[in-house]
């Protein structure tokens, strides 16, 4: 039993040694590009992007008028829901 415990301890020590050591983290990276260059690059990122502007469709801000119609529903659809 002691041999098993020693072997388990040895494997645990080896596993601890094999772990990669944490390196210093880089928190910030500075760039030498200006804000205007970054804005231009952001615009060029997707030249196929579609600009959707909802204000262009409605001239006065009101939605188009929709005409509604009523239709009868067959009794087979809601036959069991009749009012008593």
N, C-alpha and C. Protein backbone atom coordinates (compact mmCIF):
# COMPACT_ATOMS: atom_id res chain seq x y z
N UNK A 1 0.82 -1.19 0.00
CA UNK A 1 0.00 0.00 0.00
C UNK A 1 0.86 1.26 0.00
N UNK A 2 1.96 1.20 0.76
CA UNK A 2 2.86 2.35 0.80
C UNK A 2 3.47 2.61 -0.58
N UNK A 3 3.74 1.54 -1.30
CA UNK A 3 4.33 1.70 -2.64
C UNK A 3 3.35 2.42 -3.57
N UNK A 4 2.06 2.07 -3.45
CA UNK A 4 1.05 2.73 -4.26
C UNK A 4 0.96 4.22 -3.91
N UNK A 5 1.01 4.53 -2.62
CA UNK A 5 0.96 5.93 -2.20
C UNK A 5 2.18 6.69 -2.67
N UNK A 6 3.35 6.07 -2.60
CA UNK A 6 4.57 6.72 -3.07
C UNK A 6 4.51 6.96 -4.57
N UNK A 7 3.99 5.98 -5.32
CA UNK A 7 3.89 6.13 -6.76
C UNK A 7 2.88 7.22 -7.12
N UNK A 8 1.77 7.28 -6.38
CA UNK A 8 0.77 8.32 -6.61
C UNK A 8 1.36 9.69 -6.29
N UNK A 9 2.13 9.78 -5.22
CA UNK A 9 2.77 11.05 -4.87
C UNK A 9 3.78 11.46 -5.94
N UNK A 10 4.54 10.51 -6.44
CA UNK A 10 5.53 10.78 -7.48
C UNK A 10 4.83 11.26 -8.76
N UNK A 11 3.73 10.63 -9.13
CA UNK A 11 2.98 11.05 -10.32
C UNK A 11 2.39 12.45 -10.13
N UNK A 12 1.95 12.75 -8.92
CA UNK A 12 1.41 14.07 -8.64
C UNK A 12 2.49 15.15 -8.76
N UNK A 13 3.70 14.84 -8.27
CA UNK A 13 4.81 15.79 -8.36
C UNK A 13 5.19 16.00 -9.82
N UNK A 14 5.25 14.93 -10.60
CA UNK A 14 5.59 15.04 -12.02
C UNK A 14 4.52 15.84 -12.77
N UNK A 15 3.26 15.61 -12.45
CA UNK A 15 2.18 16.35 -13.10
C UNK A 15 2.26 17.83 -12.76
N UNK A 16 2.64 18.15 -11.53
CA UNK A 16 2.78 19.55 -11.12
C UNK A 16 3.93 20.22 -11.86
N UNK A 17 4.98 19.48 -12.11
CA UNK A 17 6.13 20.02 -12.83
C UNK A 17 5.81 20.21 -14.32
N UNK A 18 4.93 19.40 -14.87
CA UNK A 18 4.60 19.48 -16.29
C UNK A 18 3.64 20.63 -16.61
N UNK A 19 3.01 21.20 -15.59
CA UNK A 19 2.07 22.30 -15.84
C UNK A 19 2.84 23.50 -16.38
N UNK A 20 2.28 24.17 -17.39
CA UNK A 20 2.96 25.37 -17.89
C UNK A 20 2.88 26.50 -16.85
N UNK A 21 3.93 27.22 -16.75
CA UNK A 21 3.98 28.31 -15.79
C UNK A 21 3.26 29.52 -16.39
N UNK A 22 2.44 30.21 -15.60
CA UNK A 22 1.74 31.39 -16.13
C UNK A 22 2.73 32.51 -16.45
N UNK A 23 2.55 33.10 -17.62
CA UNK A 23 3.42 34.20 -18.04
C UNK A 23 2.73 35.51 -17.71
N UNK A 24 3.50 36.57 -17.76
CA UNK A 24 2.92 37.89 -17.53
C UNK A 24 1.91 38.18 -18.63
N UNK A 25 0.77 38.69 -18.23
CA UNK A 25 -0.29 38.99 -19.19
C UNK A 25 -0.06 40.37 -19.80
N UNK A 26 -0.36 40.48 -21.08
CA UNK A 26 -0.31 41.76 -21.75
C UNK A 26 -1.68 42.39 -21.61
N UNK A 27 -1.75 43.52 -20.95
CA UNK A 27 -3.03 44.14 -20.70
C UNK A 27 -3.44 45.08 -21.83
N UNK A 28 -2.51 45.86 -22.36
CA UNK A 28 -2.83 46.84 -23.39
C UNK A 28 -1.79 46.77 -24.50
N UNK A 29 -2.26 46.96 -25.70
CA UNK A 29 -1.36 47.04 -26.85
C UNK A 29 -1.65 48.36 -27.54
N UNK A 30 -0.65 49.17 -27.69
CA UNK A 30 -0.85 50.47 -28.33
C UNK A 30 -0.59 50.34 -29.82
N UNK A 31 -1.33 51.14 -30.57
CA UNK A 31 -1.20 51.14 -32.02
C UNK A 31 -0.67 52.49 -32.46
N UNK A 32 0.01 52.50 -33.60
CA UNK A 32 0.52 53.76 -34.10
C UNK A 32 -0.42 54.38 -35.14
N UNK A 33 -1.59 53.79 -35.35
CA UNK A 33 -2.55 54.35 -36.29
C UNK A 33 -3.42 55.38 -35.58
N UNK A 34 -3.84 56.38 -36.32
CA UNK A 34 -4.67 57.43 -35.73
C UNK A 34 -6.13 57.02 -35.74
N UNK A 35 -6.95 57.78 -35.07
CA UNK A 35 -8.38 57.46 -35.00
C UNK A 35 -9.04 57.54 -36.37
N UNK A 36 -8.63 58.49 -37.19
CA UNK A 36 -9.24 58.61 -38.52
C UNK A 36 -8.88 57.40 -39.38
N UNK A 37 -7.66 56.91 -39.24
CA UNK A 37 -7.28 55.71 -39.98
C UNK A 37 -8.06 54.50 -39.51
N UNK A 38 -8.28 54.42 -38.19
CA UNK A 38 -9.08 53.31 -37.66
C UNK A 38 -10.51 53.39 -38.14
N UNK A 39 -11.07 54.60 -38.21
CA UNK A 39 -12.44 54.76 -38.70
C UNK A 39 -12.54 54.35 -40.16
N UNK A 40 -11.53 54.71 -40.94
CA UNK A 40 -11.53 54.34 -42.36
C UNK A 40 -11.39 52.82 -42.51
N UNK A 41 -10.58 52.20 -41.70
CA UNK A 41 -10.43 50.75 -41.75
C UNK A 41 -11.72 50.05 -41.35
N UNK A 42 -12.43 50.61 -40.38
CA UNK A 42 -13.70 50.02 -39.96
C UNK A 42 -14.72 50.09 -41.08
N UNK A 43 -14.72 51.16 -41.84
CA UNK A 43 -15.65 51.28 -42.96
C UNK A 43 -15.28 50.31 -44.08
N UNK A 44 -14.00 50.06 -44.26
CA UNK A 44 -13.55 49.17 -45.32
C UNK A 44 -13.63 47.71 -44.92
N UNK A 45 -13.96 47.42 -43.69
CA UNK A 45 -13.97 46.05 -43.19
C UNK A 45 -14.93 45.19 -43.99
N UNK A 46 -16.11 45.73 -44.36
CA UNK A 46 -17.08 44.97 -45.13
C UNK A 46 -17.66 45.89 -46.21
N UNK A 47 -17.06 45.90 -47.39
CA UNK A 47 -17.56 46.79 -48.43
C UNK A 47 -18.95 46.39 -48.95
N UNK A 48 -19.37 45.15 -48.72
CA UNK A 48 -20.68 44.67 -49.18
C UNK A 48 -21.77 44.91 -48.16
N UNK A 49 -21.47 45.60 -47.07
CA UNK A 49 -22.46 45.84 -46.03
C UNK A 49 -23.61 46.68 -46.58
N UNK A 50 -24.81 46.28 -46.23
CA UNK A 50 -26.01 46.97 -46.69
C UNK A 50 -26.43 47.96 -45.62
N UNK A 51 -26.60 49.21 -45.99
CA UNK A 51 -27.03 50.24 -45.06
C UNK A 51 -28.55 50.26 -45.04
N UNK A 52 -29.13 49.86 -43.92
CA UNK A 52 -30.58 49.83 -43.78
C UNK A 52 -30.98 51.03 -42.96
N UNK A 53 -31.68 51.95 -43.59
CA UNK A 53 -32.15 53.14 -42.90
C UNK A 53 -33.66 53.16 -43.00
N UNK A 54 -34.34 53.01 -41.89
CA UNK A 54 -35.80 52.90 -41.89
C UNK A 54 -36.47 54.22 -42.22
N UNK A 55 -35.79 55.33 -42.02
CA UNK A 55 -36.40 56.64 -42.26
C UNK A 55 -36.58 56.93 -43.74
N UNK A 56 -35.84 56.28 -44.61
CA UNK A 56 -35.93 56.55 -46.04
C UNK A 56 -37.24 56.03 -46.63
N UNK A 57 -37.79 54.95 -46.10
CA UNK A 57 -38.99 54.33 -46.67
C UNK A 57 -40.24 55.17 -46.42
N UNK A 58 -40.41 55.66 -45.24
CA UNK A 58 -41.62 56.42 -44.90
C UNK A 58 -41.31 57.90 -45.04
N UNK A 59 -42.08 58.57 -45.90
CA UNK A 59 -41.83 59.99 -46.14
C UNK A 59 -42.20 60.84 -44.93
N UNK A 60 -43.37 60.57 -44.33
CA UNK A 60 -43.83 61.38 -43.23
C UNK A 60 -43.75 60.64 -41.88
N UNK A 61 -43.10 59.52 -41.84
CA UNK A 61 -42.94 58.78 -40.61
C UNK A 61 -44.08 57.85 -40.28
N UNK A 62 -45.12 57.81 -41.10
CA UNK A 62 -46.25 56.91 -40.85
C UNK A 62 -46.10 55.67 -41.72
N UNK A 63 -46.48 54.52 -41.19
CA UNK A 63 -46.39 53.29 -41.99
C UNK A 63 -47.44 53.28 -43.10
N UNK A 64 -47.20 52.49 -44.12
CA UNK A 64 -48.16 52.36 -45.21
C UNK A 64 -49.46 51.77 -44.67
N UNK A 65 -50.57 52.20 -45.25
CA UNK A 65 -51.88 51.72 -44.82
C UNK A 65 -52.14 50.34 -45.37
N UNK A 66 -52.63 49.45 -44.53
CA UNK A 66 -52.90 48.08 -44.92
C UNK A 66 -54.41 47.85 -44.82
N UNK A 67 -54.97 47.24 -45.86
CA UNK A 67 -56.40 46.97 -45.87
C UNK A 67 -56.62 45.57 -45.31
N UNK A 68 -57.48 45.47 -44.29
CA UNK A 68 -57.77 44.20 -43.64
C UNK A 68 -59.10 43.67 -44.12
N UNK A 69 -59.18 42.35 -44.23
CA UNK A 69 -60.43 41.69 -44.64
C UNK A 69 -60.76 40.62 -43.62
N UNK A 70 -62.05 40.34 -43.46
CA UNK A 70 -62.47 39.27 -42.58
C UNK A 70 -62.92 38.09 -43.43
N UNK A 71 -62.57 36.90 -42.98
CA UNK A 71 -62.99 35.69 -43.66
C UNK A 71 -63.62 34.76 -42.63
N UNK A 72 -64.54 33.94 -43.09
CA UNK A 72 -65.16 32.97 -42.19
C UNK A 72 -64.24 31.78 -42.01
N UNK A 73 -64.25 31.24 -40.80
CA UNK A 73 -63.43 30.10 -40.49
C UNK A 73 -64.30 28.86 -40.54
N UNK A 74 -63.89 27.80 -41.23
CA UNK A 74 -64.69 26.58 -41.29
C UNK A 74 -64.91 25.99 -39.89
N UNK A 75 -66.07 25.40 -39.68
CA UNK A 75 -66.37 24.82 -38.37
C UNK A 75 -65.47 23.64 -38.04
N UNK A 76 -64.87 23.02 -39.03
CA UNK A 76 -63.97 21.90 -38.77
C UNK A 76 -62.72 22.37 -38.03
N UNK A 77 -62.38 23.64 -38.20
CA UNK A 77 -61.17 24.15 -37.56
C UNK A 77 -61.43 24.41 -36.08
N UNK A 78 -62.49 25.17 -35.76
CA UNK A 78 -62.79 25.52 -34.39
C UNK A 78 -64.17 25.00 -33.97
N UNK A 79 -64.58 23.87 -34.46
CA UNK A 79 -65.90 23.32 -34.18
C UNK A 79 -66.12 23.00 -32.73
N UNK A 80 -65.08 22.59 -32.00
CA UNK A 80 -65.22 22.21 -30.60
C UNK A 80 -65.22 23.40 -29.68
N UNK A 81 -65.06 24.61 -30.18
CA UNK A 81 -64.96 25.80 -29.33
C UNK A 81 -66.20 26.67 -29.40
N UNK A 82 -67.32 26.10 -29.79
CA UNK A 82 -68.55 26.87 -29.92
C UNK A 82 -68.98 27.40 -28.57
N UNK A 83 -69.57 28.62 -28.57
CA UNK A 83 -70.11 29.20 -27.35
C UNK A 83 -71.41 28.49 -27.02
N UNK A 84 -71.59 28.15 -25.75
CA UNK A 84 -72.82 27.47 -25.33
C UNK A 84 -73.88 28.45 -24.90
